[in-house]
Amino acid sequence: MKEPFVSILMGSDSDFPIMESTVEVLEAFDVRYELRVRSAHRTPEATGEYVRNAVDRGCALFIAAAGMAAHLAGSVAAMTVRPVIGVPIDAGPLRGEDALLSTVQMPGGIPVASVAIGKAGAKNAGYLAVQILSLSHPDLAAALAAERERNAAAILERSDRLQEKLADRTKS
C-alpha cells in the first residue's frame, strides 16, 4: 500500500501565510503532505486532474482553503469520496464569513468538514487530518494523546505561576 499523505489545496498563493499553520501541525506529527494552489473557478480542469491523480497516489484526505466565494472544498468533495476539510480564509470585505458559508453549506451527500475562519481553522484542519489518519495509525493516536497531556500540563503550570504572582501581590 502507498504511504498515505494529506493534500493541502489553496485557492491562491496569498493563502499560504494562514495555511502555514496546517503545514506546521502536519510536520510536527511527521505526516506527509503535498501543497498546491488550485482554484475552483480559475483552474477547474487542473484541480480535477490533481484530485484524481492524488487519490491514485495514496492521498488519504484533502484540506481545501479558499476565501470569499470559497467553492474549492466543495468542488474537491464532488470529485472524491476521500474526506475533505474546508478552511475558510479571512479575506474580503466580509472577513471570511462568506467563505465560511460557502464552505459549510454543502448539499446532502457531498460533505465537507468545516473548521473556523482563518489561522485557528488552518491549525485545526491539520489536527483534524492527524486525528483522521490516527484511526488507522496507532502511533499518531499516541502522539496526539501525548501532546494533549503536555498542553494540559503547561496550562496548569501557567495557572499555578499566575496564582503565585497574585498571592505575592496581595502580600505587598
N, C-alpha and C. Protein backbone atom coordinates (compact mmCIF):
# COMPACT_ATOMS: atom_id res chain seq x y z
N MET A 1 0.83 -1.19 0.00
CA MET A 1 0.00 0.00 0.00
C MET A 1 0.87 1.25 0.00
N LYS A 2 0.45 2.26 -0.74
CA LYS A 2 1.18 3.52 -0.79
C LYS A 2 1.07 4.23 0.55
N GLU A 3 2.16 4.91 0.93
CA GLU A 3 2.11 5.67 2.18
C GLU A 3 1.11 6.81 2.03
N PRO A 4 0.14 6.91 2.95
CA PRO A 4 -0.88 7.95 2.81
C PRO A 4 -0.28 9.34 3.03
N PHE A 5 -0.90 10.30 2.37
CA PHE A 5 -0.50 11.68 2.57
C PHE A 5 -1.74 12.56 2.58
N VAL A 6 -1.56 13.78 3.05
CA VAL A 6 -2.61 14.78 3.09
C VAL A 6 -2.33 15.78 1.98
N SER A 7 -3.35 16.10 1.22
CA SER A 7 -3.23 17.12 0.19
C SER A 7 -3.81 18.43 0.71
N ILE A 8 -3.01 19.48 0.65
CA ILE A 8 -3.45 20.82 1.03
C ILE A 8 -3.59 21.62 -0.25
N LEU A 9 -4.81 22.07 -0.51
CA LEU A 9 -5.07 22.90 -1.68
C LEU A 9 -5.47 24.29 -1.22
N MET A 10 -4.92 25.29 -1.89
CA MET A 10 -5.24 26.68 -1.58
C MET A 10 -5.74 27.35 -2.84
N GLY A 11 -6.74 28.21 -2.71
CA GLY A 11 -7.27 28.92 -3.86
C GLY A 11 -6.30 29.93 -4.43
N SER A 12 -5.34 30.38 -3.63
CA SER A 12 -4.37 31.38 -4.05
C SER A 12 -3.11 31.23 -3.22
N ASP A 13 -1.98 31.60 -3.79
CA ASP A 13 -0.74 31.55 -3.01
C ASP A 13 -0.76 32.55 -1.86
N SER A 14 -1.62 33.55 -1.92
CA SER A 14 -1.73 34.51 -0.82
C SER A 14 -2.36 33.87 0.43
N ASP A 15 -2.90 32.66 0.30
CA ASP A 15 -3.47 31.94 1.44
C ASP A 15 -2.39 31.24 2.28
N PHE A 16 -1.17 31.15 1.75
CA PHE A 16 -0.14 30.38 2.46
C PHE A 16 0.19 30.90 3.86
N PRO A 17 0.27 32.21 4.11
CA PRO A 17 0.57 32.63 5.49
C PRO A 17 -0.42 32.07 6.51
N ILE A 18 -1.65 31.85 6.12
CA ILE A 18 -2.63 31.24 7.01
C ILE A 18 -2.44 29.72 7.04
N MET A 19 -2.29 29.13 5.87
CA MET A 19 -2.21 27.67 5.78
C MET A 19 -0.88 27.11 6.27
N GLU A 20 0.08 27.97 6.50
CA GLU A 20 1.34 27.53 7.08
C GLU A 20 1.10 26.86 8.44
N SER A 21 0.04 27.27 9.14
CA SER A 21 -0.30 26.63 10.42
C SER A 21 -0.66 25.16 10.21
N THR A 22 -1.34 24.84 9.13
CA THR A 22 -1.66 23.44 8.80
C THR A 22 -0.38 22.67 8.58
N VAL A 23 0.51 23.24 7.78
CA VAL A 23 1.79 22.60 7.47
C VAL A 23 2.57 22.32 8.75
N GLU A 24 2.62 23.29 9.64
CA GLU A 24 3.37 23.12 10.89
C GLU A 24 2.82 21.97 11.73
N VAL A 25 1.51 21.82 11.79
CA VAL A 25 0.92 20.71 12.56
C VAL A 25 1.28 19.39 11.91
N LEU A 26 1.11 19.29 10.60
CA LEU A 26 1.42 18.03 9.92
C LEU A 26 2.90 17.67 10.07
N GLU A 27 3.76 18.65 9.96
CA GLU A 27 5.20 18.39 10.13
C GLU A 27 5.52 17.97 11.56
N ALA A 28 4.85 18.55 12.54
CA ALA A 28 5.09 18.19 13.94
C ALA A 28 4.76 16.72 14.20
N PHE A 29 3.81 16.18 13.45
CA PHE A 29 3.43 14.78 13.61
C PHE A 29 4.04 13.89 12.52
N ASP A 30 4.96 14.46 11.76
CA ASP A 30 5.66 13.73 10.70
C ASP A 30 4.69 13.09 9.70
N VAL A 31 3.65 13.85 9.35
CA VAL A 31 2.66 13.40 8.37
C VAL A 31 3.05 13.96 7.00
N ARG A 32 3.12 13.09 6.03
CA ARG A 32 3.43 13.52 4.67
C ARG A 32 2.30 14.38 4.11
N TYR A 33 2.66 15.38 3.32
CA TYR A 33 1.65 16.24 2.71
C TYR A 33 2.17 16.77 1.38
N GLU A 34 1.25 17.22 0.57
CA GLU A 34 1.54 17.98 -0.63
C GLU A 34 0.76 19.28 -0.53
N LEU A 35 1.31 20.34 -1.07
CA LEU A 35 0.65 21.64 -1.05
C LEU A 35 0.60 22.16 -2.47
N ARG A 36 -0.58 22.52 -2.92
CA ARG A 36 -0.77 23.03 -4.28
C ARG A 36 -1.72 24.22 -4.26
N VAL A 37 -1.56 25.10 -5.24
CA VAL A 37 -2.52 26.17 -5.49
C VAL A 37 -3.41 25.70 -6.63
N ARG A 38 -4.70 25.61 -6.34
CA ARG A 38 -5.70 25.23 -7.33
C ARG A 38 -6.95 26.05 -7.05
N SER A 39 -7.62 26.45 -8.09
CA SER A 39 -8.80 27.29 -7.94
C SER A 39 -10.02 26.58 -8.51
N ALA A 40 -11.11 26.60 -7.76
CA ALA A 40 -12.36 26.02 -8.26
C ALA A 40 -12.85 26.77 -9.49
N HIS A 41 -12.55 28.06 -9.56
CA HIS A 41 -13.07 28.90 -10.64
C HIS A 41 -12.06 29.13 -11.76
N ARG A 42 -10.80 29.33 -11.42
CA ARG A 42 -9.80 29.68 -12.43
C ARG A 42 -9.09 28.48 -13.03
N THR A 43 -9.00 27.37 -12.28
CA THR A 43 -8.31 26.18 -12.80
C THR A 43 -9.13 24.91 -12.54
N PRO A 44 -10.37 24.86 -12.95
CA PRO A 44 -11.19 23.70 -12.61
C PRO A 44 -10.67 22.39 -13.20
N GLU A 45 -10.17 22.41 -14.43
CA GLU A 45 -9.66 21.18 -15.04
C GLU A 45 -8.40 20.70 -14.31
N ALA A 46 -7.50 21.62 -14.03
CA ALA A 46 -6.27 21.25 -13.32
C ALA A 46 -6.58 20.76 -11.91
N THR A 47 -7.59 21.35 -11.29
CA THR A 47 -7.99 20.91 -9.95
C THR A 47 -8.50 19.47 -10.01
N GLY A 48 -9.38 19.18 -10.95
CA GLY A 48 -9.91 17.83 -11.09
C GLY A 48 -8.82 16.81 -11.39
N GLU A 49 -7.92 17.17 -12.28
CA GLU A 49 -6.82 16.26 -12.63
C GLU A 49 -5.95 15.99 -11.40
N TYR A 50 -5.64 17.04 -10.65
CA TYR A 50 -4.82 16.86 -9.45
C TYR A 50 -5.52 15.95 -8.44
N VAL A 51 -6.79 16.18 -8.18
CA VAL A 51 -7.52 15.39 -7.19
C VAL A 51 -7.52 13.91 -7.59
N ARG A 52 -7.85 13.63 -8.83
CA ARG A 52 -7.87 12.23 -9.29
C ARG A 52 -6.49 11.59 -9.16
N ASN A 53 -5.46 12.33 -9.57
CA ASN A 53 -4.09 11.82 -9.51
C ASN A 53 -3.65 11.61 -8.06
N ALA A 54 -3.99 12.54 -7.18
CA ALA A 54 -3.61 12.42 -5.77
C ALA A 54 -4.23 11.18 -5.14
N VAL A 55 -5.49 10.94 -5.43
CA VAL A 55 -6.16 9.74 -4.90
C VAL A 55 -5.44 8.48 -5.40
N ASP A 56 -5.10 8.45 -6.67
CA ASP A 56 -4.39 7.30 -7.24
C ASP A 56 -3.04 7.09 -6.58
N ARG A 57 -2.43 8.17 -6.10
CA ARG A 57 -1.11 8.08 -5.47
C ARG A 57 -1.16 7.87 -3.97
N GLY A 58 -2.36 7.77 -3.38
CA GLY A 58 -2.47 7.45 -1.96
C GLY A 58 -2.91 8.58 -1.06
N CYS A 59 -3.45 9.64 -1.61
CA CYS A 59 -3.94 10.74 -0.77
C CYS A 59 -5.06 10.21 0.13
N ALA A 60 -4.92 10.43 1.43
CA ALA A 60 -5.91 9.95 2.39
C ALA A 60 -7.03 10.95 2.59
N LEU A 61 -6.71 12.24 2.50
CA LEU A 61 -7.73 13.27 2.68
C LEU A 61 -7.21 14.59 2.14
N PHE A 62 -8.15 15.49 1.91
CA PHE A 62 -7.84 16.79 1.35
C PHE A 62 -8.20 17.88 2.35
N ILE A 63 -7.36 18.91 2.39
CA ILE A 63 -7.66 20.14 3.11
C ILE A 63 -7.70 21.23 2.04
N ALA A 64 -8.84 21.89 1.92
CA ALA A 64 -9.01 22.90 0.88
C ALA A 64 -9.32 24.25 1.51
N ALA A 65 -8.49 25.25 1.20
CA ALA A 65 -8.64 26.57 1.79
C ALA A 65 -8.92 27.59 0.70
N ALA A 66 -9.93 28.42 0.95
CA ALA A 66 -10.25 29.48 0.00
C ALA A 66 -11.01 30.58 0.72
N GLY A 67 -10.96 31.76 0.15
CA GLY A 67 -11.68 32.89 0.71
C GLY A 67 -12.81 33.32 -0.18
N MET A 68 -13.60 34.23 0.32
CA MET A 68 -14.73 34.83 -0.38
C MET A 68 -15.67 33.76 -0.94
N ALA A 69 -15.81 33.62 -2.24
CA ALA A 69 -16.69 32.59 -2.81
C ALA A 69 -15.93 31.27 -2.76
N ALA A 70 -15.84 30.71 -1.58
CA ALA A 70 -14.95 29.58 -1.30
C ALA A 70 -15.56 28.26 -1.76
N HIS A 71 -15.44 28.00 -3.04
CA HIS A 71 -16.02 26.78 -3.60
C HIS A 71 -15.01 25.66 -3.75
N LEU A 72 -13.76 25.89 -3.39
CA LEU A 72 -12.73 24.88 -3.61
C LEU A 72 -13.01 23.58 -2.86
N ALA A 73 -13.33 23.68 -1.58
CA ALA A 73 -13.59 22.46 -0.80
C ALA A 73 -14.76 21.67 -1.37
N GLY A 74 -15.83 22.35 -1.73
CA GLY A 74 -16.98 21.69 -2.31
C GLY A 74 -16.68 21.07 -3.65
N SER A 75 -15.89 21.75 -4.47
CA SER A 75 -15.50 21.20 -5.76
C SER A 75 -14.68 19.93 -5.58
N VAL A 76 -13.74 19.97 -4.64
CA VAL A 76 -12.92 18.79 -4.37
C VAL A 76 -13.80 17.65 -3.86
N ALA A 77 -14.71 17.95 -2.93
CA ALA A 77 -15.59 16.92 -2.37
C ALA A 77 -16.46 16.28 -3.45
N ALA A 78 -16.82 17.04 -4.47
CA ALA A 78 -17.63 16.50 -5.55
C ALA A 78 -16.85 15.52 -6.42
N MET A 79 -15.51 15.57 -6.33
CA MET A 79 -14.66 14.74 -7.19
C MET A 79 -14.09 13.50 -6.51
N THR A 80 -14.31 13.37 -5.20
CA THR A 80 -13.69 12.26 -4.47
C THR A 80 -14.57 11.83 -3.31
N VAL A 81 -14.36 10.60 -2.87
CA VAL A 81 -15.04 10.15 -1.65
C VAL A 81 -14.09 10.20 -0.45
N ARG A 82 -12.88 10.72 -0.65
CA ARG A 82 -11.97 10.94 0.47
C ARG A 82 -12.51 12.09 1.32
N PRO A 83 -12.22 12.11 2.61
CA PRO A 83 -12.65 13.24 3.45
C PRO A 83 -12.05 14.55 2.95
N VAL A 84 -12.84 15.60 3.06
CA VAL A 84 -12.40 16.95 2.68
C VAL A 84 -12.67 17.87 3.86
N ILE A 85 -11.64 18.60 4.25
CA ILE A 85 -11.75 19.59 5.31
C ILE A 85 -11.63 20.96 4.65
N GLY A 86 -12.61 21.81 4.87
CA GLY A 86 -12.59 23.15 4.30
C GLY A 86 -12.12 24.18 5.31
N VAL A 87 -11.20 25.03 4.88
CA VAL A 87 -10.71 26.13 5.73
C VAL A 87 -11.14 27.44 5.09
N PRO A 88 -12.08 28.15 5.71
CA PRO A 88 -12.47 29.47 5.20
C PRO A 88 -11.38 30.50 5.52
N ILE A 89 -10.92 31.17 4.47
CA ILE A 89 -9.86 32.18 4.64
C ILE A 89 -10.50 33.53 4.95
N ASP A 90 -9.94 34.23 5.91
CA ASP A 90 -10.48 35.53 6.32
C ASP A 90 -10.01 36.63 5.38
N ALA A 91 -10.66 36.66 4.21
CA ALA A 91 -10.33 37.64 3.19
C ALA A 91 -11.59 38.40 2.78
N GLY A 92 -11.38 39.50 2.08
CA GLY A 92 -12.51 40.24 1.52
C GLY A 92 -13.24 41.09 2.54
N PRO A 93 -14.26 41.78 2.07
CA PRO A 93 -14.96 42.73 2.94
C PRO A 93 -15.74 42.06 4.08
N LEU A 94 -16.07 40.79 3.93
CA LEU A 94 -16.81 40.10 5.00
C LEU A 94 -15.89 39.32 5.95
N ARG A 95 -14.58 39.48 5.78
CA ARG A 95 -13.57 38.89 6.67
C ARG A 95 -13.76 37.38 6.88
N GLY A 96 -14.17 36.69 5.83
CA GLY A 96 -14.25 35.23 5.90
C GLY A 96 -15.62 34.66 6.19
N GLU A 97 -16.56 35.51 6.56
CA GLU A 97 -17.90 34.96 6.84
C GLU A 97 -18.55 34.39 5.58
N ASP A 98 -18.31 35.02 4.43
CA ASP A 98 -18.82 34.49 3.17
C ASP A 98 -18.14 33.17 2.83
N ALA A 99 -16.84 33.07 3.11
CA ALA A 99 -16.11 31.83 2.85
C ALA A 99 -16.61 30.71 3.76
N LEU A 100 -16.91 31.05 5.01
CA LEU A 100 -17.45 30.05 5.93
C LEU A 100 -18.77 29.50 5.40
N LEU A 101 -19.66 30.37 5.00
CA LEU A 101 -20.96 29.92 4.49
C LEU A 101 -20.80 29.11 3.20
N SER A 102 -19.90 29.53 2.32
CA SER A 102 -19.65 28.77 1.09
C SER A 102 -19.10 27.38 1.38
N THR A 103 -18.31 27.28 2.43
CA THR A 103 -17.68 26.00 2.78
C THR A 103 -18.65 25.06 3.49
N VAL A 104 -19.46 25.60 4.36
CA VAL A 104 -20.29 24.76 5.22
C VAL A 104 -21.64 24.39 4.58
N GLN A 105 -22.10 25.17 3.62
CA GLN A 105 -23.43 24.95 3.03
C GLN A 105 -23.32 23.99 1.83
N MET A 106 -23.08 22.73 2.12
CA MET A 106 -22.96 21.72 1.08
C MET A 106 -24.24 20.91 0.98
N PRO A 107 -24.59 20.47 -0.23
CA PRO A 107 -25.79 19.65 -0.37
C PRO A 107 -25.60 18.28 0.28
N GLY A 108 -26.70 17.70 0.74
CA GLY A 108 -26.63 16.37 1.35
C GLY A 108 -25.95 15.38 0.42
N GLY A 109 -25.05 14.60 0.97
CA GLY A 109 -24.35 13.59 0.20
C GLY A 109 -22.98 14.00 -0.28
N ILE A 110 -22.65 15.29 -0.19
CA ILE A 110 -21.32 15.79 -0.57
C ILE A 110 -20.77 16.56 0.63
N PRO A 111 -20.34 15.85 1.68
CA PRO A 111 -19.93 16.55 2.90
C PRO A 111 -18.55 17.20 2.79
N VAL A 112 -18.44 18.32 3.49
CA VAL A 112 -17.17 18.98 3.72
C VAL A 112 -17.13 19.29 5.21
N ALA A 113 -16.10 18.83 5.89
CA ALA A 113 -15.91 19.20 7.29
C ALA A 113 -15.35 20.63 7.29
N SER A 114 -15.98 21.50 8.04
CA SER A 114 -15.53 22.89 8.05
C SER A 114 -14.96 23.24 9.41
N VAL A 115 -13.88 24.01 9.39
CA VAL A 115 -13.25 24.48 10.61
C VAL A 115 -13.42 26.00 10.69
N ALA A 116 -12.88 26.60 11.71
CA ALA A 116 -13.02 28.03 11.95
C ALA A 116 -12.39 28.85 10.83
N ILE A 117 -12.78 30.09 10.77
CA ILE A 117 -12.22 31.03 9.80
C ILE A 117 -10.78 31.36 10.19
N GLY A 118 -9.90 31.36 9.22
CA GLY A 118 -8.55 31.87 9.41
C GLY A 118 -7.55 30.90 10.02
N LYS A 119 -6.57 31.49 10.71
CA LYS A 119 -5.40 30.74 11.20
C LYS A 119 -5.77 29.64 12.20
N ALA A 120 -6.72 29.91 13.10
CA ALA A 120 -7.14 28.86 14.05
C ALA A 120 -7.77 27.69 13.29
N GLY A 121 -8.55 27.99 12.27
CA GLY A 121 -9.13 26.93 11.45
C GLY A 121 -8.07 26.15 10.70
N ALA A 122 -7.07 26.85 10.18
CA ALA A 122 -5.98 26.17 9.47
C ALA A 122 -5.24 25.21 10.39
N LYS A 123 -4.99 25.67 11.62
CA LYS A 123 -4.31 24.81 12.59
C LYS A 123 -5.18 23.61 12.93
N ASN A 124 -6.48 23.85 13.17
CA ASN A 124 -7.38 22.74 13.49
C ASN A 124 -7.57 21.79 12.32
N ALA A 125 -7.48 22.28 11.10
CA ALA A 125 -7.55 21.39 9.94
C ALA A 125 -6.39 20.39 9.98
N GLY A 126 -5.22 20.87 10.36
CA GLY A 126 -4.07 19.97 10.50
C GLY A 126 -4.31 18.93 11.57
N TYR A 127 -4.82 19.38 12.73
CA TYR A 127 -5.10 18.43 13.81
C TYR A 127 -6.20 17.44 13.42
N LEU A 128 -7.23 17.91 12.75
CA LEU A 128 -8.30 17.01 12.33
C LEU A 128 -7.78 15.98 11.33
N ALA A 129 -6.91 16.40 10.44
CA ALA A 129 -6.29 15.46 9.49
C ALA A 129 -5.50 14.39 10.24
N VAL A 130 -4.73 14.80 11.24
CA VAL A 130 -3.96 13.83 12.03
C VAL A 130 -4.91 12.89 12.77
N GLN A 131 -5.99 13.42 13.32
CA GLN A 131 -6.97 12.56 14.01
C GLN A 131 -7.57 11.54 13.05
N ILE A 132 -7.92 11.97 11.84
CA ILE A 132 -8.47 11.04 10.86
C ILE A 132 -7.45 9.95 10.53
N LEU A 133 -6.22 10.34 10.29
CA LEU A 133 -5.17 9.36 9.99
C LEU A 133 -4.90 8.44 11.18
N SER A 134 -5.09 8.95 12.39
CA SER A 134 -4.80 8.15 13.58
C SER A 134 -5.75 6.97 13.73
N LEU A 135 -6.88 6.98 13.03
CA LEU A 135 -7.80 5.85 13.09
C LEU A 135 -7.14 4.57 12.59
N SER A 136 -6.20 4.70 11.67
CA SER A 136 -5.51 3.52 11.15
C SER A 136 -4.00 3.54 11.44
N HIS A 137 -3.56 4.51 12.24
CA HIS A 137 -2.15 4.62 12.61
C HIS A 137 -2.05 4.88 14.11
N PRO A 138 -1.96 3.81 14.92
CA PRO A 138 -1.94 3.97 16.38
C PRO A 138 -0.82 4.88 16.90
N ASP A 139 0.29 4.95 16.17
CA ASP A 139 1.38 5.82 16.60
C ASP A 139 0.95 7.29 16.58
N LEU A 140 0.14 7.66 15.60
CA LEU A 140 -0.37 9.03 15.56
C LEU A 140 -1.35 9.29 16.71
N ALA A 141 -2.18 8.30 17.01
CA ALA A 141 -3.12 8.46 18.14
C ALA A 141 -2.35 8.66 19.44
N ALA A 142 -1.28 7.91 19.63
CA ALA A 142 -0.47 8.05 20.84
C ALA A 142 0.21 9.42 20.88
N ALA A 143 0.70 9.88 19.73
CA ALA A 143 1.36 11.19 19.68
C ALA A 143 0.36 12.31 19.97
N LEU A 144 -0.85 12.19 19.46
CA LEU A 144 -1.89 13.19 19.75
C LEU A 144 -2.22 13.21 21.24
N ALA A 145 -2.39 12.04 21.83
CA ALA A 145 -2.70 11.96 23.26
C ALA A 145 -1.57 12.56 24.10
N ALA A 146 -0.33 12.28 23.72
CA ALA A 146 0.81 12.82 24.46
C ALA A 146 0.86 14.34 24.35
N GLU A 147 0.57 14.87 23.16
CA GLU A 147 0.58 16.32 23.00
C GLU A 147 -0.52 16.97 23.84
N ARG A 148 -1.68 16.37 23.86
CA ARG A 148 -2.77 16.92 24.68
C ARG A 148 -2.38 16.93 26.16
N GLU A 149 -1.72 15.87 26.61
CA GLU A 149 -1.26 15.83 28.01
C GLU A 149 -0.25 16.93 28.29
N ARG A 150 0.70 17.13 27.36
CA ARG A 150 1.70 18.20 27.54
C ARG A 150 1.02 19.57 27.57
N ASN A 151 0.05 19.77 26.68
CA ASN A 151 -0.66 21.05 26.66
C ASN A 151 -1.42 21.29 27.96
N ALA A 152 -2.08 20.27 28.47
CA ALA A 152 -2.82 20.40 29.73
C ALA A 152 -1.87 20.72 30.87
N ALA A 153 -0.73 20.04 30.93
CA ALA A 153 0.25 20.29 31.99
C ALA A 153 0.78 21.73 31.90
N ALA A 154 1.01 22.21 30.69
CA ALA A 154 1.52 23.58 30.52
C ALA A 154 0.50 24.61 30.98
N ILE A 155 -0.77 24.38 30.69
CA ILE A 155 -1.83 25.31 31.14
C ILE A 155 -1.90 25.34 32.66
N LEU A 156 -1.86 24.17 33.29
CA LEU A 156 -1.92 24.11 34.75
C LEU A 156 -0.70 24.78 35.38
N GLU A 157 0.46 24.59 34.77
CA GLU A 157 1.68 25.22 35.28
C GLU A 157 1.59 26.74 35.19
N ARG A 158 1.10 27.26 34.06
CA ARG A 158 0.93 28.71 33.91
C ARG A 158 -0.10 29.23 34.91
N SER A 159 -1.13 28.47 35.15
CA SER A 159 -2.15 28.87 36.12
C SER A 159 -1.54 28.96 37.52
N ASP A 160 -0.73 27.97 37.88
CA ASP A 160 -0.08 27.99 39.19
C ASP A 160 0.84 29.20 39.33
N ARG A 161 1.60 29.51 38.29
CA ARG A 161 2.50 30.68 38.34
C ARG A 161 1.71 31.97 38.49
N LEU A 162 0.59 32.06 37.79
CA LEU A 162 -0.25 33.24 37.90
C LEU A 162 -0.80 33.38 39.33
N GLN A 163 -1.24 32.28 39.91
CA GLN A 163 -1.76 32.31 41.28
C GLN A 163 -0.68 32.74 42.26
N GLU A 164 0.56 32.29 42.04
CA GLU A 164 1.68 32.69 42.90
C GLU A 164 1.93 34.19 42.79
N LYS A 165 1.89 34.72 41.55
CA LYS A 165 2.09 36.16 41.35
C LYS A 165 1.00 36.96 42.05
N LEU A 166 -0.23 36.49 41.94
CA LEU A 166 -1.34 37.20 42.59
C LEU A 166 -1.22 37.13 44.11
N ALA A 167 -0.76 35.99 44.63
CA ALA A 167 -0.59 35.87 46.07
C ALA A 167 0.52 36.82 46.57
N ASP A 168 1.62 36.92 45.79
CA ASP A 168 2.70 37.84 46.14
C ASP A 168 2.21 39.29 46.12
N ARG A 169 1.35 39.58 45.19
CA ARG A 169 0.83 40.94 45.04
C ARG A 169 -0.02 41.34 46.26
N THR A 170 -0.80 40.42 46.75
CA THR A 170 -1.66 40.74 47.90
C THR A 170 -0.87 40.84 49.19
N LYS A 171 0.31 40.22 49.24
CA LYS A 171 1.17 40.32 50.44
C LYS A 171 1.83 41.68 50.55
N SER A 172 2.02 42.35 49.43
CA SER A 172 2.71 43.65 49.43
C SER A 172 1.89 44.77 49.97
